[in-house]
């Protein structure tokens, strides 16, 4: 049996070619968007991995790395998952009285394959690819959060029911849909590697309910817990492209798969905090960059916004990349007014377009590098300003703090907890304040609450100068 590279468009499934391939070969399903890109060359320039197990196929992903990964599935595993979802009450209610299903996601990915093709096929319901062509809203759509966001933004007709997956549903979008009313939603939680793990109604639930077939446990990651799963749907084998060749990886028998998702579990369900590689410590607090993106989305600012971690010797921070035409000063002011201080990025970089991978996904590596370079330039500029600023009695406390932090904090912000001021910056602040008033500040005064905020320092200096 040979491994066959298949650029799997909807016709590949709808005309039965997929099942013909599966009977005699091992189809490797690739998104047609990869054709003519560097990702296709990586697949075609090296010998394809071989399988001995019949009725096995591969779904090719690239995630945010840009490097192909072949996740192998056996037909028995897929059929088992289809049967489980068909037995779920939530699934049955969404498919009830549906004459056709509108599918707006690629069938070559696991979510699209299961929900856009195999489940409708098992139920004998015809599928229609793409947006509904009539003014009558679709009864059921297999879609995504970005597709629903686009429909809301452009005032398109919303389906009566929708099934989504691929990301934690944005809170602002859930709020919009609740206000519009009349739509039923089911969000599937899972990945290509794990298969479906659970579900929730994102309009009413913050937590996911796991399927009975899914066993879970957690391992500590920093201050958070990483989800580990074991179920009949988890892929036992995948191949990664490393140093111009395919390297096989096998999950040991009866073991748990590390999902990379951080969260917490209770009797009410699993609360997903975010991806392990998307959480940083910023201004003394653990921050999910996915959460920050969701909060920014809720501000309805013009443009697309991407949050990335910026790792630097002076501490980790948040980088925000955008194609918005709004002035950076306006963006900073809006974010500081609307977001918690721990969620406000220290660097915002604007360009006319967002870097993308050949498969159309965000190029996080390039975006992160661009934001880091911008942050390094900003630090160099601030360091130069620190060397040239002349402190005298006329220098305001706000100007002194701006020379240290790079911006003027709100009057009652706690400099350490809200602004992330470290001990070196705190020492620099006292030196500059002493230069301003022309005398030493007593050590016992430094321990008071006056020096934790802009307004406190201004009050202290006002009293001290009055007493002099």
Protein backbone atom coordinates (compact mmCIF):
# COMPACT_ATOMS: atom_id res chain seq x y z
CA UNK A 1 0.00 0.00 0.00
CA UNK A 2 1.39 3.38 -1.01
CA UNK A 3 1.23 6.79 0.67
CA UNK A 4 -0.64 9.18 -1.62
CA UNK A 5 -0.40 12.96 -1.38
CA UNK A 6 -3.89 14.37 -1.93
CA UNK A 7 -4.81 18.05 -2.07
CA UNK A 8 -8.26 17.39 -0.70
CA UNK A 9 -10.86 19.88 -1.90
CA UNK A 10 -14.60 19.30 -1.25
CA UNK A 11 -15.04 17.34 -4.50
CA UNK A 12 -12.43 14.83 -3.30
CA UNK A 13 -14.80 13.79 -0.53
CA UNK A 14 -18.16 14.38 -2.20
CA UNK A 15 -17.37 12.23 -5.27
CA UNK A 16 -16.16 9.31 -3.13
CA UNK A 17 -12.43 9.46 -4.01
CA UNK A 18 -11.44 9.54 -0.34
CA UNK A 19 -13.06 6.15 0.35
CA UNK A 20 -11.57 4.66 -2.84
CA UNK A 21 -8.09 5.77 -1.71
CA UNK A 22 -8.67 4.43 1.80
CA UNK A 23 -9.48 0.92 0.51
CA UNK A 24 -6.14 0.39 -1.22
CA UNK A 25 -3.69 3.13 -0.13
CA UNK A 26 -2.81 5.61 2.61
CA UNK A 27 -4.07 9.06 1.55
CA UNK A 28 -2.23 12.04 3.04
CA UNK A 29 -4.80 14.84 3.08
CA UNK A 30 -3.44 18.33 2.45
CA UNK A 31 -5.23 21.68 2.33
CA UNK A 32 -5.47 22.80 -1.35
CA UNK A 33 -4.25 26.24 -0.22
CA UNK A 34 -0.80 24.69 0.16
CA UNK A 35 -0.45 24.09 -3.58
CA UNK A 36 2.39 26.09 -5.08
CA UNK A 37 3.82 27.09 -1.67
CA UNK A 38 6.96 26.17 0.25
CA UNK A 39 4.82 23.81 2.33
CA UNK A 40 4.03 21.75 -0.78
CA UNK A 41 7.74 21.58 -1.63
CA UNK A 42 8.53 20.24 1.83
CA UNK A 43 6.00 17.47 1.25
CA UNK A 44 7.00 16.60 -2.31
CA UNK A 45 10.80 16.90 -2.13
CA UNK A 46 11.25 14.11 0.44
CA UNK A 47 10.04 10.48 0.43
CA UNK A 48 6.66 10.24 2.13
CA UNK A 49 6.32 8.20 5.36
CA UNK A 50 4.93 4.70 4.84
CA UNK A 51 2.26 2.85 6.81
CA UNK A 52 1.58 -0.88 7.11
CA UNK A 53 -1.79 -0.62 8.86
CA UNK A 54 -4.69 -0.72 6.35
CA UNK A 55 -7.44 1.92 6.34
CA UNK A 56 -5.06 4.52 7.71
CA UNK A 57 -4.83 8.10 6.49
CA UNK A 58 -3.05 11.28 7.51
CA UNK A 59 -4.18 14.85 8.13
CA UNK A 60 -1.42 17.36 7.49
CA UNK A 61 -1.21 20.40 9.76
CA UNK A 62 1.34 23.13 10.30
CA UNK A 63 -0.02 25.05 13.29
CA UNK A 64 1.88 28.27 13.94
CA UNK A 65 5.31 26.81 13.14
CA UNK A 66 5.05 26.64 9.37
CA UNK A 67 6.55 23.13 9.38
CA UNK A 68 4.32 20.24 8.21
CA UNK A 69 3.13 17.59 10.66
CA UNK A 70 1.36 14.41 9.56
CA UNK A 71 -1.17 13.17 12.11
CA UNK A 72 -2.19 9.57 11.36
CA UNK A 73 -5.75 8.35 11.89
CA UNK A 74 -7.24 4.88 11.58
CA UNK A 75 -10.73 4.58 10.15
CA UNK A 76 -11.95 2.61 13.18
CA UNK A 77 -10.97 5.56 15.43
CA UNK A 78 -12.85 8.00 13.22
CA UNK A 79 -15.94 5.79 13.04
CA UNK A 80 -15.93 5.43 16.83
CA UNK A 81 -15.84 9.21 17.24
CA UNK A 82 -18.66 9.69 14.74
CA UNK A 83 -20.80 7.21 16.69
CA UNK A 84 -20.07 8.95 20.00
CA UNK A 85 -21.02 12.39 18.70
CA UNK A 86 -24.20 11.03 17.12
CA UNK A 87 -25.24 9.68 20.52
CA UNK A 88 -24.79 13.07 22.25
CA UNK A 89 -28.03 14.90 23.06
CA UNK A 90 -26.55 18.28 22.06
CA UNK A 91 -25.63 16.95 18.62
CA UNK A 92 -29.03 15.36 18.08
CA UNK A 93 -30.86 18.60 18.89
CA UNK A 94 -28.78 20.65 16.45
CA UNK A 95 -29.27 18.20 13.56
CA UNK A 96 -32.99 17.71 14.19
CA UNK A 97 -35.32 18.75 11.31
CA UNK A 98 -32.37 19.91 9.18
CA UNK A 99 -32.83 19.39 5.43
CA UNK A 100 -29.35 20.54 4.41
CA UNK A 101 -26.16 21.63 6.18
CA UNK A 102 -24.14 24.68 5.14
CA UNK A 103 -20.42 24.00 5.58
CA UNK A 104 -18.01 26.94 5.72
CA UNK A 105 -14.86 25.12 6.85
CA UNK A 106 -12.34 22.96 4.90
CA UNK A 107 -13.17 19.24 4.83
CA UNK A 108 -9.45 18.35 4.76
CA UNK A 109 -9.10 19.26 8.46
CA UNK A 110 -10.42 17.00 11.22
CA UNK A 111 -13.19 19.34 12.39
CA UNK A 112 -14.47 19.82 8.83
CA UNK A 113 -14.10 16.13 7.99
CA UNK A 114 -16.13 15.02 11.02
CA UNK A 115 -18.78 17.72 11.27
CA UNK A 116 -18.97 18.92 7.70
CA UNK A 117 -18.87 15.55 5.96
CA UNK A 118 -18.96 12.31 8.00
CA UNK A 119 -21.70 13.24 10.49
CA UNK A 120 -24.05 14.62 7.78
CA UNK A 121 -23.25 11.54 5.64
CA UNK A 122 -24.17 9.21 8.51
CA UNK A 123 -27.45 11.10 8.97
CA UNK A 124 -28.22 11.24 5.24
CA UNK A 125 -28.32 15.07 5.23
CA UNK A 126 -27.04 16.86 2.07
CA UNK A 127 -24.31 19.44 2.53
CA UNK A 128 -23.89 22.80 0.79
CA UNK A 129 -20.39 24.24 0.71
CA UNK A 130 -20.02 27.95 1.47
CA UNK A 131 -22.40 30.74 2.41
CA UNK A 132 -26.14 30.37 1.92
CA UNK A 133 -27.17 31.84 -1.45
CA UNK A 134 -30.68 32.71 -0.33
CA UNK A 135 -31.97 35.43 1.96
CA UNK A 136 -33.45 32.76 4.23
CA UNK A 137 -31.03 32.03 7.08
CA UNK A 138 -29.49 28.57 7.07
CA UNK A 139 -30.93 26.21 9.66
CA UNK A 140 -27.51 24.73 10.53
CA UNK A 141 -24.00 25.90 9.64
CA UNK A 142 -20.68 24.17 10.30
CA UNK A 143 -18.57 27.27 10.66
CA UNK A 144 -15.97 29.10 12.76
CA UNK A 145 -15.82 32.05 15.13
CA UNK A 146 -14.15 34.31 12.50
CA UNK A 147 -16.91 33.47 9.99
CA UNK A 148 -19.58 34.37 12.56
CA UNK A 149 -17.71 37.56 13.46
CA UNK A 150 -17.67 38.52 9.78
CA UNK A 151 -21.40 37.86 9.51
CA UNK A 152 -22.15 40.04 12.55
CA UNK A 153 -19.85 42.85 11.35
CA UNK A 154 -21.36 42.87 7.84
CA UNK A 155 -24.96 42.38 9.08
CA UNK A 156 -25.31 39.10 7.15
CA UNK A 157 -28.10 36.66 7.97
CA UNK A 158 -27.08 34.42 10.85
CA UNK A 159 -27.93 30.70 10.87
CA UNK A 160 -30.49 29.42 13.34
CA UNK A 161 -27.93 26.92 14.67
CA UNK A 162 -24.16 26.72 14.33
CA UNK A 163 -21.32 24.40 15.30
CA UNK A 164 -17.87 25.96 15.70
CA UNK A 165 -14.36 24.87 16.64
CA UNK A 166 -10.73 25.82 16.24
CA UNK A 167 -10.32 28.41 19.00
CA UNK A 168 -11.78 29.43 22.34
CA UNK A 169 -14.87 31.39 21.36
CA UNK A 170 -14.24 35.15 21.80
CA UNK A 171 -16.19 36.65 24.70
CA UNK A 172 -17.08 39.86 22.78
CA UNK A 173 -18.56 37.80 19.92
CA UNK A 174 -20.62 35.76 22.39
CA UNK A 175 -21.90 39.03 23.86
CA UNK A 176 -22.90 40.31 20.40
CA UNK A 177 -24.73 37.10 19.53
CA UNK A 178 -26.59 37.09 22.84
CA UNK A 179 -27.79 40.63 22.14
CA UNK A 180 -28.92 39.67 18.62
CA UNK A 181 -30.65 36.55 19.95
CA UNK A 182 -32.13 33.63 18.05
CA UNK A 183 -29.02 31.49 17.45
CA UNK A 184 -28.08 28.18 19.09
CA UNK A 185 -24.35 27.37 19.30
CA UNK A 186 -22.22 24.33 20.07
CA UNK A 187 -18.45 24.77 20.37
CA UNK A 188 -16.32 21.64 19.95
CA UNK A 189 -13.11 21.45 21.98
CA UNK A 190 -10.25 19.42 20.55
CA UNK A 191 -7.39 19.30 18.06
CA UNK A 192 -6.21 17.19 15.14
CA UNK A 193 -4.11 15.10 17.53
CA UNK A 194 -6.74 14.60 20.25
CA UNK A 195 -9.93 14.44 18.24
CA UNK A 196 -13.03 15.87 19.89
CA UNK A 197 -12.66 16.07 23.68
CA UNK A 198 -15.69 18.06 24.75
CA UNK A 199 -18.16 20.81 24.03
CA UNK A 200 -19.97 23.84 25.47
CA UNK A 201 -22.52 26.48 24.57
CA UNK A 202 -20.23 29.58 24.38
CA UNK A 203 -23.20 31.92 24.78
CA UNK A 204 -23.99 30.51 28.21
CA UNK A 205 -21.01 28.49 29.46
CA UNK A 206 -17.40 29.34 30.30
CA UNK A 207 -16.46 25.70 30.87
CA UNK A 208 -16.24 22.71 28.53
CA UNK A 209 -17.92 19.39 29.31
CA UNK A 210 -15.71 16.39 28.47
CA UNK A 211 -17.06 13.36 26.65
CA UNK A 212 -17.43 10.27 28.84
CA UNK A 213 -14.81 8.47 26.72
CA UNK A 214 -12.15 11.09 27.57
CA UNK A 215 -9.97 10.53 30.64
CA UNK A 216 -8.08 13.56 31.98
CA UNK A 217 -5.32 14.47 34.41
CA UNK A 218 -3.11 17.52 34.91
CA UNK A 219 0.57 18.29 35.26
CA UNK A 220 1.88 21.49 36.80
CA UNK A 221 3.35 24.05 34.39
CA UNK A 222 4.70 27.05 36.29
CA UNK A 223 1.71 28.42 38.15
CA UNK A 224 -0.81 26.68 35.88
CA UNK A 225 -2.02 23.14 35.12
CA UNK A 226 -1.57 21.55 31.70
CA UNK A 227 -4.32 19.22 30.49
CA UNK A 228 -3.38 15.61 29.67
CA UNK A 229 -5.92 13.36 27.94
CA UNK A 230 -6.41 9.71 27.09
CA UNK A 231 -9.24 8.58 24.82
CA UNK A 232 -10.02 6.31 21.85
CA UNK A 233 -9.71 9.34 19.55
CA UNK A 234 -6.15 10.44 20.40
CA UNK A 235 -3.72 9.80 17.53
CA UNK A 236 -1.05 7.27 18.45
CA UNK A 237 1.35 8.23 15.65
CA UNK A 238 2.50 11.39 13.90
CA UNK A 239 5.44 12.44 11.70
CA UNK A 240 7.23 15.79 11.86
CA UNK A 241 9.45 17.32 9.18
CA UNK A 242 12.88 17.88 10.73
CA UNK A 243 16.17 18.63 8.93
CA UNK A 244 14.71 17.74 5.54
CA UNK A 245 13.34 14.35 6.57
CA UNK A 246 10.29 12.85 8.27
CA UNK A 247 10.71 11.76 11.88
CA UNK A 248 8.15 9.37 13.39
CA UNK A 249 6.71 9.81 16.90
CA UNK A 250 4.58 7.20 18.69
CA UNK A 251 2.42 7.65 21.77
CA UNK A 252 3.15 4.83 24.25
CA UNK A 253 0.28 2.44 24.88
CA UNK A 254 -2.16 3.43 27.63
CA UNK A 255 -0.48 6.82 28.11
CA UNK A 256 -1.80 10.38 28.29
CA UNK A 257 -1.26 13.00 25.59
CA UNK A 258 -0.06 16.47 26.63
CA UNK A 259 -2.41 18.92 24.93
CA UNK A 260 -0.43 22.12 25.60
CA UNK A 261 -3.63 23.68 26.97
CA UNK A 262 -3.63 25.27 30.42
CA UNK A 263 -6.74 25.45 32.57
CA UNK A 264 -8.55 24.24 35.63
CA UNK A 265 -11.20 21.59 36.16
CA UNK A 266 -14.14 21.28 38.54
CA UNK A 267 -17.48 19.49 38.78
CA UNK A 268 -18.82 22.21 36.47
CA UNK A 269 -16.35 21.44 33.68
CA UNK A 270 -12.98 22.51 32.27
CA UNK A 271 -12.08 26.20 32.10
CA UNK A 272 -9.55 26.78 29.30
CA UNK A 273 -7.07 29.54 30.15
CA UNK A 274 -5.05 29.30 26.96
CA UNK A 275 -2.19 27.61 25.14
CA UNK A 276 0.95 26.94 27.17
CA UNK A 277 3.12 28.89 24.73
CA UNK A 278 0.64 31.81 24.78
CA UNK A 279 0.87 32.64 28.50
CA UNK A 280 3.53 34.95 29.92
CA UNK A 281 4.26 36.70 33.20
CA UNK A 282 3.68 40.40 32.59
CA UNK A 283 3.89 43.11 35.25
CA UNK A 284 3.91 40.47 37.97
CA UNK A 285 0.82 38.58 36.71
CA UNK A 286 0.19 35.52 34.55
CA UNK A 287 -1.45 36.72 31.33
CA UNK A 288 -3.02 34.75 28.47
CA UNK A 289 -2.30 36.46 25.15
CA UNK A 290 -5.44 34.83 23.72
CA UNK A 291 -7.44 36.58 26.46
CA UNK A 292 -5.80 39.92 25.61
CA UNK A 293 -6.67 39.50 21.93
CA UNK A 294 -10.26 38.72 22.87
CA UNK A 295 -10.48 41.84 25.05
CA UNK A 296 -9.08 44.02 22.25
CA UNK A 297 -11.59 42.49 19.82
CA UNK A 298 -14.34 43.63 22.18
CA UNK A 299 -13.18 47.26 21.86
CA UNK A 300 -14.23 47.27 18.17
CA UNK A 301 -11.09 49.04 17.02
CA UNK A 302 -10.49 49.24 13.27
CA UNK A 303 -8.03 46.62 12.02
CA UNK A 304 -6.68 43.20 13.00
CA UNK A 305 -4.64 42.74 16.18
CA UNK A 306 -2.20 39.95 17.03
CA UNK A 307 -0.61 39.54 20.48
CA UNK A 308 2.78 37.84 20.82
CA UNK A 309 5.20 37.30 23.72
CA UNK A 310 8.30 39.50 23.68
CA UNK A 311 11.10 37.88 25.69
CA UNK A 312 13.85 40.28 26.79
CA UNK A 313 16.56 40.42 29.45
CA UNK A 314 14.62 43.24 31.12
CA UNK A 315 11.59 40.98 31.47
CA UNK A 316 8.84 39.51 29.30
CA UNK A 317 6.19 41.78 27.88
CA UNK A 318 3.35 41.86 25.36
CA UNK A 319 3.86 42.83 21.74
CA UNK A 320 0.86 43.94 19.71
CA UNK A 321 1.04 43.78 15.90
CA UNK A 322 -1.67 45.46 13.87
CA UNK A 323 -2.64 46.66 10.41
CA UNK A 324 -4.94 49.30 11.90
CA UNK A 325 -4.84 52.81 10.43
CA UNK A 326 -5.49 54.36 13.84
CA UNK A 327 -2.60 56.41 15.31
CA UNK A 328 -0.45 54.50 17.82
CA UNK A 329 -1.05 57.18 20.47
CA UNK A 330 -4.80 56.65 20.10
CA UNK A 331 -4.37 52.88 20.40
CA UNK A 332 -2.23 53.18 23.53
CA UNK A 333 -4.67 55.57 25.16
CA UNK A 334 -7.64 53.32 24.39
CA UNK A 335 -5.92 50.19 25.68
CA UNK A 336 -4.77 51.89 28.90
CA UNK A 337 -8.27 53.20 29.53
CA UNK A 338 -10.07 49.92 28.82
CA UNK A 339 -7.75 47.04 29.78
CA UNK A 340 -6.16 45.93 33.06
CA UNK A 341 -2.63 47.31 33.28
CA UNK A 342 -1.20 43.80 33.19
CA UNK A 343 -2.84 43.34 29.75
CA UNK A 344 -1.56 46.57 28.15
CA UNK A 345 1.29 45.88 25.67
CA UNK A 346 4.55 47.78 26.02
CA UNK A 347 5.15 47.74 22.27
CA UNK A 348 2.71 48.29 19.42
CA UNK A 349 3.91 47.79 15.86
CA UNK A 350 1.87 48.90 12.85
CA UNK A 351 2.32 47.65 9.29
CA UNK A 352 0.09 47.61 6.23
CA UNK A 353 -0.38 43.83 6.29
CA UNK A 354 -0.19 40.93 8.75
CA UNK A 355 2.55 38.34 7.99
CA UNK A 356 0.99 35.01 6.99
CA UNK A 357 2.28 31.48 6.40
CA UNK A 358 1.79 29.88 2.97
CA UNK A 359 -1.25 28.03 4.37
CA UNK A 360 -2.87 31.35 5.24
CA UNK A 361 -2.36 31.11 9.02
CA UNK A 362 -0.68 33.85 11.05
CA UNK A 363 3.12 33.76 10.94
CA UNK A 364 3.69 34.10 14.67
CA UNK A 365 7.44 33.62 14.40
CA UNK A 366 7.88 36.58 12.01
CA UNK A 367 5.43 38.75 14.00
CA UNK A 368 7.27 37.98 17.26
CA UNK A 369 10.65 38.83 15.72
CA UNK A 370 9.34 42.13 14.34
CA UNK A 371 7.84 43.10 17.72
CA UNK A 372 11.06 42.16 19.55
CA UNK A 373 13.13 44.32 17.18
CA UNK A 374 10.73 47.21 17.73
CA UNK A 375 10.93 46.75 21.51
CA UNK A 376 14.74 46.76 21.39
CA UNK A 377 14.66 50.01 19.38
CA UNK A 378 12.26 51.58 21.87
CA UNK A 379 14.47 50.57 24.82
CA UNK A 380 17.52 52.07 23.10
CA UNK A 381 15.62 55.32 22.51
CA UNK A 382 14.43 55.48 26.13
CA UNK A 383 17.94 54.74 27.43
CA UNK A 384 19.26 57.61 25.34
CA UNK A 385 16.54 59.92 26.69
CA UNK A 386 17.43 58.90 30.26
CA UNK A 387 21.00 59.99 29.67
CA UNK A 388 19.99 63.40 28.33
CA UNK A 389 17.13 64.37 30.65
CA UNK A 390 18.10 67.17 33.02
CA UNK A 391 16.41 66.95 36.41
CA UNK A 392 15.85 70.21 38.31
CA UNK A 393 13.30 71.72 40.67
CA UNK A 394 10.96 72.45 37.75
CA UNK A 395 10.85 68.83 36.57
CA UNK A 396 7.48 67.28 37.43
CA UNK A 397 7.01 63.90 39.07
CA UNK A 398 5.07 62.80 35.99
CA UNK A 399 8.06 63.62 33.77
CA UNK A 400 10.38 61.67 36.06
CA UNK A 401 8.12 58.59 35.96
CA UNK A 402 7.74 58.91 32.20
CA UNK A 403 11.55 58.91 31.81
CA UNK A 404 11.66 55.60 33.73
CA UNK A 405 8.53 53.77 32.53
CA UNK A 406 8.25 55.25 29.06
CA UNK A 407 4.78 56.68 29.79
CA UNK A 408 2.94 58.65 32.46
CA UNK A 409 0.93 56.28 34.71
CA UNK A 410 -2.52 57.05 36.05
CA UNK A 411 -2.32 59.06 39.32
CA UNK A 412 -3.37 56.20 41.60
CA UNK A 413 -1.69 53.29 39.76
CA UNK A 414 0.47 51.18 42.07
CA UNK A 415 3.90 51.50 40.49
CA UNK A 416 4.99 47.95 41.28
CA UNK A 417 1.79 45.95 40.80
CA UNK A 418 0.08 48.01 38.08
CA UNK A 419 3.08 49.36 36.18
CA UNK A 420 5.57 46.54 36.70
CA UNK A 421 8.29 48.81 38.08
CA UNK A 422 11.26 46.71 39.23
CA UNK A 423 13.72 47.42 42.06
CA UNK A 424 16.30 49.05 39.77
CA UNK A 425 13.70 51.42 38.36
CA UNK A 426 12.43 52.14 41.88
CA UNK A 427 15.96 53.11 42.99
CA UNK A 428 16.35 55.30 39.90
CA UNK A 429 13.09 57.03 40.79
CA UNK A 430 14.33 58.01 44.28
CA UNK A 431 17.62 59.31 42.89
CA UNK A 432 15.78 61.54 40.42
CA UNK A 433 13.31 62.74 43.06
CA UNK A 434 16.22 63.67 45.35
CA UNK A 435 17.83 65.59 42.48
CA UNK A 436 14.55 67.47 41.96
CA UNK A 437 14.16 68.55 45.61
CA UNK A 438 17.89 69.00 46.22
CA UNK A 439 18.02 66.82 49.35
CA UNK A 440 18.01 63.21 50.50
CA UNK A 441 14.72 61.48 51.18
CA UNK A 442 14.87 59.82 54.64
CA UNK A 443 14.86 56.02 54.56
CA UNK A 444 11.85 55.89 56.88
CA UNK A 445 9.91 58.09 54.43
CA UNK A 446 10.74 55.72 51.57
CA UNK A 447 8.92 52.93 53.39
CA UNK A 448 5.63 54.87 53.49
CA UNK A 449 2.74 54.52 51.05
CA UNK A 450 3.47 57.89 49.47
CA UNK A 451 5.94 56.44 46.97
CA UNK A 452 3.72 53.75 45.42
CA UNK A 453 1.84 56.12 43.10
CA UNK A 454 2.17 59.38 41.18
CA UNK A 455 -0.43 61.17 43.29
CA UNK A 456 1.21 59.94 46.53
CA UNK A 457 4.61 61.29 45.53
CA UNK A 458 3.16 64.61 44.45
CA UNK A 459 1.43 64.92 47.83
CA UNK A 460 4.62 63.99 49.70
CA UNK A 461 6.78 66.50 47.81
CA UNK A 462 4.18 69.23 48.24
CA UNK A 463 4.22 68.75 52.01
CA UNK A 464 8.03 68.46 52.13
CA UNK A 465 8.61 71.64 50.12
CA UNK A 466 6.03 73.46 52.27
CA UNK A 467 7.82 72.39 55.46
CA UNK A 468 11.14 73.59 54.09
